């Protein structure tokens, strides 16, 4: 992302760059955490000797809400069938 040309004063430029850096970092961290939780849910199922069917795998990987992924993670410890992760929906 390029610096907008209207940000010419050094003070404004620094503030803009710091805000852009914070926004980018927060987005990066959130995306990293989301991907980590998605992989963790699949890994927990694998460690419990349960193969997630393609449909369940797609739903887990399509889930973007971090709170929802935390719920799926907790359920992955207890379910008898991977499809039961989404039983309450």
PDB file of N, CA and C in Angstrom:
ATOM      1  N   UNK A   1       0.859  -1.163   0.000  1.00  0.00           N
ATOM      2  CA  UNK A   1       0.000   0.000   0.000  1.00  0.00           C
ATOM      3  C   UNK A   1       0.905   1.225   0.000  1.00  0.00           C
ATOM      4  N   UNK A   2       0.633   2.133  -0.892  1.00  0.00           N
ATOM      5  CA  UNK A   2       1.436   3.353  -0.985  1.00  0.00           C
ATOM      6  C   UNK A   2       0.859   4.439  -0.088  1.00  0.00           C
ATOM      7  N   UNK A   3       1.744   5.303   0.342  1.00  0.00           N
ATOM      8  CA  UNK A   3       1.350   6.440   1.157  1.00  0.00           C
ATOM      9  C   UNK A   3       0.578   7.431   0.293  1.00  0.00           C
ATOM     10  N   UNK A   4      -0.610   7.853   0.718  1.00  0.00           N
ATOM     11  CA  UNK A   4      -1.381   8.818  -0.073  1.00  0.00           C
ATOM     12  C   UNK A   4      -0.603  10.122  -0.253  1.00  0.00           C
ATOM     13  N   UNK A   5      -0.696  10.750  -1.419  1.00  0.00           N
ATOM     14  CA  UNK A   5       0.078  11.964  -1.676  1.00  0.00           C
ATOM     15  C   UNK A   5      -0.329  13.156  -0.807  1.00  0.00           C
ATOM     16  N   UNK A   6      -1.554  13.150  -0.261  1.00  0.00           N
ATOM     17  CA  UNK A   6      -1.986  14.288   0.535  1.00  0.00           C
ATOM     18  C   UNK A   6      -1.390  14.267   1.948  1.00  0.00           C
ATOM     19  N   UNK A   7      -0.720  13.198   2.325  1.00  0.00           N
ATOM     20  CA  UNK A   7      -0.066  13.139   3.629  1.00  0.00           C
ATOM     21  C   UNK A   7       1.364  13.625   3.423  1.00  0.00           C
ATOM     22  N   UNK A   8       1.569  14.908   3.559  1.00  0.00           N
ATOM     23  CA  UNK A   8       2.890  15.467   3.256  1.00  0.00           C
ATOM     24  C   UNK A   8       3.648  15.903   4.491  1.00  0.00           C
ATOM     25  N   UNK A   9       2.936  16.274   5.556  1.00  0.00           N
ATOM     26  CA  UNK A   9       3.610  16.747   6.761  1.00  0.00           C
ATOM     27  C   UNK A   9       4.184  15.540   7.517  1.00  0.00           C
ATOM     28  N   UNK A  10       5.434  15.628   7.998  1.00  0.00           N
ATOM     29  CA  UNK A  10       6.069  14.488   8.671  1.00  0.00           C
ATOM     30  C   UNK A  10       5.268  13.943   9.855  1.00  0.00           C
ATOM     31  N   UNK A  11       4.613  14.810  10.623  1.00  0.00           N
ATOM     32  CA  UNK A  11       3.826  14.354  11.764  1.00  0.00           C
ATOM     33  C   UNK A  11       2.635  13.537  11.299  1.00  0.00           C
ATOM     34  N   UNK A  12       1.922  14.027  10.286  1.00  0.00           N
ATOM     35  CA  UNK A  12       0.774  13.299   9.747  1.00  0.00           C
ATOM     36  C   UNK A  12       1.218  11.998   9.094  1.00  0.00           C
ATOM     37  N   UNK A  13       2.352  12.078   8.393  1.00  0.00           N
ATOM     38  CA  UNK A  13       2.871  10.891   7.714  1.00  0.00           C
ATOM     39  C   UNK A  13       3.175   9.791   8.732  1.00  0.00           C
ATOM     40  N   UNK A  14       3.845  10.145   9.814  1.00  0.00           N
ATOM     41  CA  UNK A  14       4.187   9.150  10.841  1.00  0.00           C
ATOM     42  C   UNK A  14       2.919   8.564  11.478  1.00  0.00           C
ATOM     43  N   UNK A  15       1.946   9.418  11.803  1.00  0.00           N
ATOM     44  CA  UNK A  15       0.695   8.943  12.405  1.00  0.00           C
ATOM     45  C   UNK A  15      -0.041   8.010  11.448  1.00  0.00           C
ATOM     46  N   UNK A  16      -0.051   8.369  10.180  1.00  0.00           N
ATOM     47  CA  UNK A  16      -0.731   7.532   9.196  1.00  0.00           C
ATOM     48  C   UNK A  16      -0.024   6.186   9.069  1.00  0.00           C
ATOM     49  N   UNK A  17       1.297   6.205   9.008  1.00  0.00           N
ATOM     50  CA  UNK A  17       2.051   4.958   8.889  1.00  0.00           C
ATOM     51  C   UNK A  17       1.877   4.068  10.119  1.00  0.00           C
ATOM     52  N   UNK A  18       1.856   4.669  11.296  1.00  0.00           N
ATOM     53  CA  UNK A  18       1.652   3.882  12.514  1.00  0.00           C
ATOM     54  C   UNK A  18       0.254   3.256  12.543  1.00  0.00           C
ATOM     55  N   UNK A  19      -0.748   4.020  12.124  1.00  0.00           N
ATOM     56  CA  UNK A  19      -2.120   3.487  12.080  1.00  0.00           C
ATOM     57  C   UNK A  19      -2.220   2.365  11.056  1.00  0.00           C
ATOM     58  N   UNK A  20      -1.593   2.540   9.905  1.00  0.00           N
ATOM     59  CA  UNK A  20      -1.617   1.500   8.871  1.00  0.00           C
ATOM     60  C   UNK A  20      -0.910   0.246   9.366  1.00  0.00           C
ATOM     61  N   UNK A  21       0.195   0.422  10.063  1.00  0.00           N
ATOM     62  CA  UNK A  21       0.931  -0.728  10.595  1.00  0.00           C
ATOM     63  C   UNK A  21       0.090  -1.485  11.621  1.00  0.00           C
ATOM     64  N   UNK A  22      -0.580  -0.749  12.525  1.00  0.00           N
ATOM     65  CA  UNK A  22      -1.440  -1.394  13.524  1.00  0.00           C
ATOM     66  C   UNK A  22      -2.567  -2.173  12.860  1.00  0.00           C
ATOM     67  N   UNK A  23      -3.210  -1.551  11.871  1.00  0.00           N
ATOM     68  CA  UNK A  23      -4.326  -2.214  11.186  1.00  0.00           C
ATOM     69  C   UNK A  23      -3.848  -3.472  10.477  1.00  0.00           C
ATOM     70  N   UNK A  24      -2.717  -3.387   9.815  1.00  0.00           N
ATOM     71  CA  UNK A  24      -2.182  -4.552   9.098  1.00  0.00           C
ATOM     72  C   UNK A  24      -1.814  -5.653  10.077  1.00  0.00           C
ATOM     73  N   UNK A  25      -1.155  -5.277  11.177  1.00  0.00           N
ATOM     74  CA  UNK A  25      -0.719  -6.262  12.167  1.00  0.00           C
ATOM     75  C   UNK A  25      -1.912  -6.947  12.813  1.00  0.00           C
ATOM     76  N   UNK A  26      -2.927  -6.172  13.184  1.00  0.00           N
ATOM     77  CA  UNK A  26      -4.113  -6.767  13.809  1.00  0.00           C
ATOM     78  C   UNK A  26      -4.802  -7.730  12.853  1.00  0.00           C
ATOM     79  N   UNK A  27      -4.913  -7.346  11.590  1.00  0.00           N
ATOM     80  CA  UNK A  27      -5.520  -8.235  10.601  1.00  0.00           C
ATOM     81  C   UNK A  27      -4.697  -9.483  10.401  1.00  0.00           C
ATOM     82  N   UNK A  28      -3.389  -9.336  10.385  1.00  0.00           N
ATOM     83  CA  UNK A  28      -2.499 -10.482  10.218  1.00  0.00           C
ATOM     84  C   UNK A  28      -2.637 -11.441  11.389  1.00  0.00           C
ATOM     85  N   UNK A  29      -2.639 -10.898  12.601  1.00  0.00           N
ATOM     86  CA  UNK A  29      -2.733 -11.737  13.790  1.00  0.00           C
ATOM     87  C   UNK A  29      -4.072 -12.459  13.821  1.00  0.00           C
ATOM     88  N   UNK A  30      -5.150 -11.763  13.491  1.00  0.00           N
ATOM     89  CA  UNK A  30      -6.473 -12.395  13.494  1.00  0.00           C
ATOM     90  C   UNK A  30      -6.543 -13.507  12.452  1.00  0.00           C
ATOM     91  N   UNK A  31      -6.023 -13.274  11.257  1.00  0.00           N
ATOM     92  CA  UNK A  31      -6.025 -14.313  10.228  1.00  0.00           C
ATOM     93  C   UNK A  31      -5.157 -15.487  10.633  1.00  0.00           C
ATOM     94  N   UNK A  32      -4.032 -15.216  11.270  1.00  0.00           N
ATOM     95  CA  UNK A  32      -3.157 -16.283  11.740  1.00  0.00           C
ATOM     96  C   UNK A  32      -3.870 -17.130  12.779  1.00  0.00           C
ATOM     97  N   UNK A  33      -4.525 -16.474  13.732  1.00  0.00           N
ATOM     98  CA  UNK A  33      -5.246 -17.186  14.795  1.00  0.00           C
ATOM     99  C   UNK A  33      -6.391 -18.016  14.211  1.00  0.00           C
ATOM    100  N   UNK A  34      -7.099 -17.449  13.245  1.00  0.00           N
ATOM    101  CA  UNK A  34      -8.207 -18.162  12.606  1.00  0.00           C
ATOM    102  C   UNK A  34      -7.697 -19.447  11.945  1.00  0.00           C
ATOM    103  N   UNK A  35      -6.630 -19.330  11.175  1.00  0.00           N
ATOM    104  CA  UNK A  35      -6.070 -20.501  10.503  1.00  0.00           C
ATOM    105  C   UNK A  35      -5.548 -21.532  11.486  1.00  0.00           C
ATOM    106  N   UNK A  36      -4.957 -21.052  12.580  1.00  0.00           N
ATOM    107  CA  UNK A  36      -4.438 -21.971  13.595  1.00  0.00           C
ATOM    108  C   UNK A  36      -5.571 -22.768  14.238  1.00  0.00           C
ATOM    109  N   UNK A  37      -6.683 -22.101  14.559  1.00  0.00           N
ATOM    110  CA  UNK A  37      -7.814 -22.796  15.172  1.00  0.00           C
ATOM    111  C   UNK A  37      -8.480 -23.764  14.197  1.00  0.00           C
ATOM    112  N   UNK A  38      -8.602 -23.378  12.936  1.00  0.00           N
ATOM    113  CA  UNK A  38      -9.183 -24.283  11.940  1.00  0.00           C
ATOM    114  C   UNK A  38      -8.355 -25.565  11.842  1.00  0.00           C
ATOM    115  N   UNK A  39      -7.031 -25.415  11.758  1.00  0.00           N
ATOM    116  CA  UNK A  39      -6.161 -26.588  11.672  1.00  0.00           C
ATOM    117  C   UNK A  39      -6.194 -27.404  12.961  1.00  0.00           C
ATOM    118  N   UNK A  40      -6.316 -26.729  14.094  1.00  0.00           N
ATOM    119  CA  UNK A  40      -6.355 -27.422  15.375  1.00  0.00           C
ATOM    120  C   UNK A  40      -7.596 -28.312  15.486  1.00  0.00           C
ATOM    121  N   UNK A  41      -8.738 -27.819  15.072  1.00  0.00           N
ATOM    122  CA  UNK A  41      -9.964 -28.626  15.124  1.00  0.00           C
ATOM    123  C   UNK A  41      -9.785 -29.879  14.267  1.00  0.00           C
ATOM    124  N   UNK A  42      -9.255 -29.716  13.066  1.00  0.00           N
ATOM    125  CA  UNK A  42      -9.032 -30.876  12.205  1.00  0.00           C
ATOM    126  C   UNK A  42      -8.002 -31.827  12.809  1.00  0.00           C
ATOM    127  N   UNK A  43      -6.974 -31.279  13.411  1.00  0.00           N
ATOM    128  CA  UNK A  43      -5.936 -32.105  14.028  1.00  0.00           C
ATOM    129  C   UNK A  43      -6.480 -32.871  15.225  1.00  0.00           C
ATOM    130  N   UNK A  44      -7.322 -32.234  16.037  1.00  0.00           N
ATOM    131  CA  UNK A  44      -7.914 -32.927  17.179  1.00  0.00           C
ATOM    132  C   UNK A  44      -8.742 -34.119  16.726  1.00  0.00           C
ATOM    133  N   UNK A  45      -9.497 -33.938  15.668  1.00  0.00           N
ATOM    134  CA  UNK A  45     -10.276 -35.068  15.136  1.00  0.00           C
ATOM    135  C   UNK A  45      -9.347 -36.177  14.666  1.00  0.00           C
ATOM    136  N   UNK A  46      -8.283 -35.808  13.984  1.00  0.00           N
ATOM    137  CA  UNK A  46      -7.316 -36.793  13.484  1.00  0.00           C
ATOM    138  C   UNK A  46      -6.662 -37.546  14.645  1.00  0.00           C
ATOM    139  N   UNK A  47      -6.268 -36.831  15.685  1.00  0.00           N
ATOM    140  CA  UNK A  47      -5.636 -37.466  16.830  1.00  0.00           C
ATOM    141  C   UNK A  47      -6.577 -38.421  17.553  1.00  0.00           C
ATOM    142  N   UNK A  48      -7.862 -38.173  17.422  1.00  0.00           N
ATOM    143  CA  UNK A  48      -8.864 -39.049  18.036  1.00  0.00           C
ATOM    144  C   UNK A  48      -9.289 -40.152  17.070  1.00  0.00           C
ATOM    145  N   UNK A  49      -8.513 -40.356  15.999  1.00  0.00           N
ATOM    146  CA  UNK A  49      -8.766 -41.390  14.984  1.00  0.00           C
ATOM    147  C   UNK A  49     -10.107 -41.214  14.289  1.00  0.00           C
ATOM    148  N   UNK A  50     -10.470 -39.973  14.036  1.00  0.00           N
ATOM    149  CA  UNK A  50     -11.689 -39.688  13.282  1.00  0.00           C
ATOM    150  C   UNK A  50     -11.308 -38.898  12.047  1.00  0.00           C
ATOM    151  N   UNK A  51     -11.654 -39.428  10.905  1.00  0.00           N
ATOM    152  CA  UNK A  51     -11.386 -38.727   9.647  1.00  0.00           C
ATOM    153  C   UNK A  51     -12.568 -37.809   9.343  1.00  0.00           C
ATOM    154  N   UNK A  52     -12.295 -36.538   9.187  1.00  0.00           N
ATOM    155  CA  UNK A  52     -13.362 -35.584   8.874  1.00  0.00           C
ATOM    156  C   UNK A  52     -13.762 -35.742   7.408  1.00  0.00           C
ATOM    157  N   UNK A  53     -15.039 -35.998   7.149  1.00  0.00           N
ATOM    158  CA  UNK A  53     -15.493 -36.076   5.757  1.00  0.00           C
ATOM    159  C   UNK A  53     -15.263 -34.735   5.053  1.00  0.00           C
ATOM    160  N   UNK A  54     -15.172 -34.761   3.723  1.00  0.00           N
ATOM    161  CA  UNK A  54     -14.919 -33.512   2.986  1.00  0.00           C
ATOM    162  C   UNK A  54     -15.907 -32.385   3.322  1.00  0.00           C
ATOM    163  N   UNK A  55     -17.173 -32.711   3.516  1.00  0.00           N
ATOM    164  CA  UNK A  55     -18.166 -31.677   3.817  1.00  0.00           C
ATOM    165  C   UNK A  55     -17.881 -31.021   5.173  1.00  0.00           C
ATOM    166  N   UNK A  56     -17.530 -31.817   6.169  1.00  0.00           N
ATOM    167  CA  UNK A  56     -17.218 -31.281   7.502  1.00  0.00           C
ATOM    168  C   UNK A  56     -15.926 -30.472   7.442  1.00  0.00           C
ATOM    169  N   UNK A  57     -14.943 -30.984   6.718  1.00  0.00           N
ATOM    170  CA  UNK A  57     -13.669 -30.285   6.551  1.00  0.00           C
ATOM    171  C   UNK A  57     -13.884 -28.908   5.923  1.00  0.00           C
ATOM    172  N   UNK A  58     -14.731 -28.869   4.888  1.00  0.00           N
ATOM    173  CA  UNK A  58     -15.020 -27.589   4.224  1.00  0.00           C
ATOM    174  C   UNK A  58     -15.702 -26.617   5.181  1.00  0.00           C
ATOM    175  N   UNK A  59     -16.642 -27.127   5.987  1.00  0.00           N
ATOM    176  CA  UNK A  59     -17.347 -26.252   6.933  1.00  0.00           C
ATOM    177  C   UNK A  59     -16.405 -25.698   7.993  1.00  0.00           C
ATOM    178  N   UNK A  60     -15.493 -26.536   8.473  1.00  0.00           N
ATOM    179  CA  UNK A  60     -14.524 -26.068   9.470  1.00  0.00           C
ATOM    180  C   UNK A  60     -13.641 -24.991   8.855  1.00  0.00           C
ATOM    181  N   UNK A  61     -13.134 -25.232   7.658  1.00  0.00           N
ATOM    182  CA  UNK A  61     -12.247 -24.274   7.011  1.00  0.00           C
ATOM    183  C   UNK A  61     -12.977 -23.011   6.558  1.00  0.00           C
ATOM    184  N   UNK A  62     -14.302 -23.100   6.396  1.00  0.00           N
ATOM    185  CA  UNK A  62     -15.086 -21.925   5.997  1.00  0.00           C
ATOM    186  C   UNK A  62     -15.501 -21.072   7.200  1.00  0.00           C
ATOM    187  N   UNK A  63     -15.375 -21.621   8.400  1.00  0.00           N
ATOM    188  CA  UNK A  63     -15.741 -20.880   9.609  1.00  0.00           C
ATOM    189  C   UNK A  63     -14.693 -19.810   9.874  1.00  0.00           C
ATOM    190  N   UNK A  64     -15.118 -18.556   9.947  1.00  0.00           N
ATOM    191  CA  UNK A  64     -14.182 -17.451  10.135  1.00  0.00           C
ATOM    192  C   UNK A  64     -14.325 -16.770  11.492  1.00  0.00           C
ATOM    193  N   UNK A  65     -15.398 -17.039  12.201  1.00  0.00           N
ATOM    194  CA  UNK A  65     -15.631 -16.411  13.506  1.00  0.00           C
ATOM    195  C   UNK A  65     -14.771 -17.106  14.562  1.00  0.00           C
ATOM    196  N   UNK A  66     -13.914 -16.352  15.233  1.00  0.00           N
ATOM    197  CA  UNK A  66     -13.007 -16.938  16.216  1.00  0.00           C
ATOM    198  C   UNK A  66     -13.758 -17.573  17.390  1.00  0.00           C
ATOM    199  N   UNK A  67     -14.848 -16.957  17.837  1.00  0.00           N
ATOM    200  CA  UNK A  67     -15.627 -17.536  18.935  1.00  0.00           C
ATOM    201  C   UNK A  67     -16.236 -18.868  18.526  1.00  0.00           C
ATOM    202  N   UNK A  68     -16.726 -18.921  17.315  1.00  0.00           N
ATOM    203  CA  UNK A  68     -17.307 -20.167  16.800  1.00  0.00           C
ATOM    204  C   UNK A  68     -16.241 -21.253  16.689  1.00  0.00           C
ATOM    205  N   UNK A  69     -15.047 -20.880  16.249  1.00  0.00           N
ATOM    206  CA  UNK A  69     -13.955 -21.848  16.141  1.00  0.00           C
ATOM    207  C   UNK A  69     -13.546 -22.374  17.513  1.00  0.00           C
ATOM    208  N   UNK A  70     -13.607 -21.521  18.534  1.00  0.00           N
ATOM    209  CA  UNK A  70     -13.300 -21.979  19.895  1.00  0.00           C
ATOM    210  C   UNK A  70     -14.339 -22.999  20.369  1.00  0.00           C
ATOM    211  N   UNK A  71     -15.595 -22.780  20.007  1.00  0.00           N
ATOM    212  CA  UNK A  71     -16.653 -23.737  20.357  1.00  0.00           C
ATOM    213  C   UNK A  71     -16.403 -25.061  19.634  1.00  0.00           C
ATOM    214  N   UNK A  72     -16.054 -24.993  18.352  1.00  0.00           N
ATOM    215  CA  UNK A  72     -15.764 -26.220  17.601  1.00  0.00           C
ATOM    216  C   UNK A  72     -14.569 -26.953  18.201  1.00  0.00           C
ATOM    217  N   UNK A  73     -13.573 -26.193  18.652  1.00  0.00           N
ATOM    218  CA  UNK A  73     -12.410 -26.816  19.284  1.00  0.00           C
ATOM    219  C   UNK A  73     -12.824 -27.589  20.536  1.00  0.00           C
ATOM    220  N   UNK A  74     -13.665 -26.983  21.368  1.00  0.00           N
ATOM    221  CA  UNK A  74     -14.125 -27.668  22.579  1.00  0.00           C
ATOM    222  C   UNK A  74     -14.934 -28.919  22.233  1.00  0.00           C
ATOM    223  N   UNK A  75     -15.769 -28.813  21.220  1.00  0.00           N
ATOM    224  CA  UNK A  75     -16.585 -29.968  20.822  1.00  0.00           C
ATOM    225  C   UNK A  75     -15.736 -31.086  20.234  1.00  0.00           C
ATOM    226  N   UNK A  76     -14.623 -30.739  19.597  1.00  0.00           N
ATOM    227  CA  UNK A  76     -13.767 -31.747  18.962  1.00  0.00           C
ATOM    228  C   UNK A  76     -13.185 -32.716  19.993  1.00  0.00           C
ATOM    229  N   UNK A  77     -13.108 -32.307  21.245  1.00  0.00           N
ATOM    230  CA  UNK A  77     -12.624 -33.198  22.302  1.00  0.00           C
ATOM    231  C   UNK A  77     -13.649 -34.264  22.669  1.00  0.00           C
ATOM    232  N   UNK A  78     -14.933 -34.022  22.399  1.00  0.00           N
ATOM    233  CA  UNK A  78     -15.984 -34.863  22.953  1.00  0.00           C
ATOM    234  C   UNK A  78     -16.833 -35.608  21.927  1.00  0.00           C
ATOM    235  N   UNK A  79     -16.906 -35.129  20.693  1.00  0.00           N
ATOM    236  CA  UNK A  79     -17.849 -35.719  19.736  1.00  0.00           C
ATOM    237  C   UNK A  79     -17.460 -37.148  19.374  1.00  0.00           C
ATOM    238  N   UNK A  80     -18.475 -37.940  19.055  1.00  0.00           N
ATOM    239  CA  UNK A  80     -18.246 -39.315  18.623  1.00  0.00           C
ATOM    240  C   UNK A  80     -18.144 -39.400  17.109  1.00  0.00           C
ATOM    241  N   UNK A  81     -18.686 -38.392  16.426  1.00  0.00           N
ATOM    242  CA  UNK A  81     -18.666 -38.347  14.966  1.00  0.00           C
ATOM    243  C   UNK A  81     -18.348 -36.903  14.558  1.00  0.00           C
ATOM    244  N   UNK A  82     -17.456 -36.700  13.586  1.00  0.00           N
ATOM    245  CA  UNK A  82     -17.114 -35.330  13.175  1.00  0.00           C
ATOM    246  C   UNK A  82     -18.322 -34.488  12.762  1.00  0.00           C
ATOM    247  N   UNK A  83     -19.346 -35.123  12.223  1.00  0.00           N
ATOM    248  CA  UNK A  83     -20.542 -34.378  11.810  1.00  0.00           C
ATOM    249  C   UNK A  83     -21.261 -33.782  13.017  1.00  0.00           C
ATOM    250  N   UNK A  84     -21.023 -34.349  14.209  1.00  0.00           N
ATOM    251  CA  UNK A  84     -21.661 -33.842  15.438  1.00  0.00           C
ATOM    252  C   UNK A  84     -21.112 -32.487  15.866  1.00  0.00           C
ATOM    253  N   UNK A  85     -20.012 -32.039  15.276  1.00  0.00           N
ATOM    254  CA  UNK A  85     -19.488 -30.706  15.591  1.00  0.00           C
ATOM    255  C   UNK A  85     -20.524 -29.637  15.302  1.00  0.00           C
ATOM    256  N   UNK A  86     -21.323 -29.860  14.275  1.00  0.00           N
ATOM    257  CA  UNK A  86     -22.317 -28.881  13.836  1.00  0.00           C
ATOM    258  C   UNK A  86     -23.736 -29.323  14.168  1.00  0.00           C
ATOM    259  N   UNK A  87     -23.884 -30.210  15.149  1.00  0.00           N
ATOM    260  CA  UNK A  87     -25.191 -30.780  15.484  1.00  0.00           C
ATOM    261  C   UNK A  87     -26.181 -29.737  15.983  1.00  0.00           C
ATOM    262  N   UNK A  88     -25.724 -28.735  16.696  1.00  0.00           N
ATOM    263  CA  UNK A  88     -26.648 -27.754  17.279  1.00  0.00           C
ATOM    264  C   UNK A  88     -27.104 -26.704  16.275  1.00  0.00           C
ATOM    265  N   UNK A  89     -26.628 -26.773  15.058  1.00  0.00           N
ATOM    266  CA  UNK A  89     -27.012 -25.759  14.055  1.00  0.00           C
ATOM    267  C   UNK A  89     -28.197 -26.214  13.251  1.00  0.00           C
TER     268      UNK A  89
END
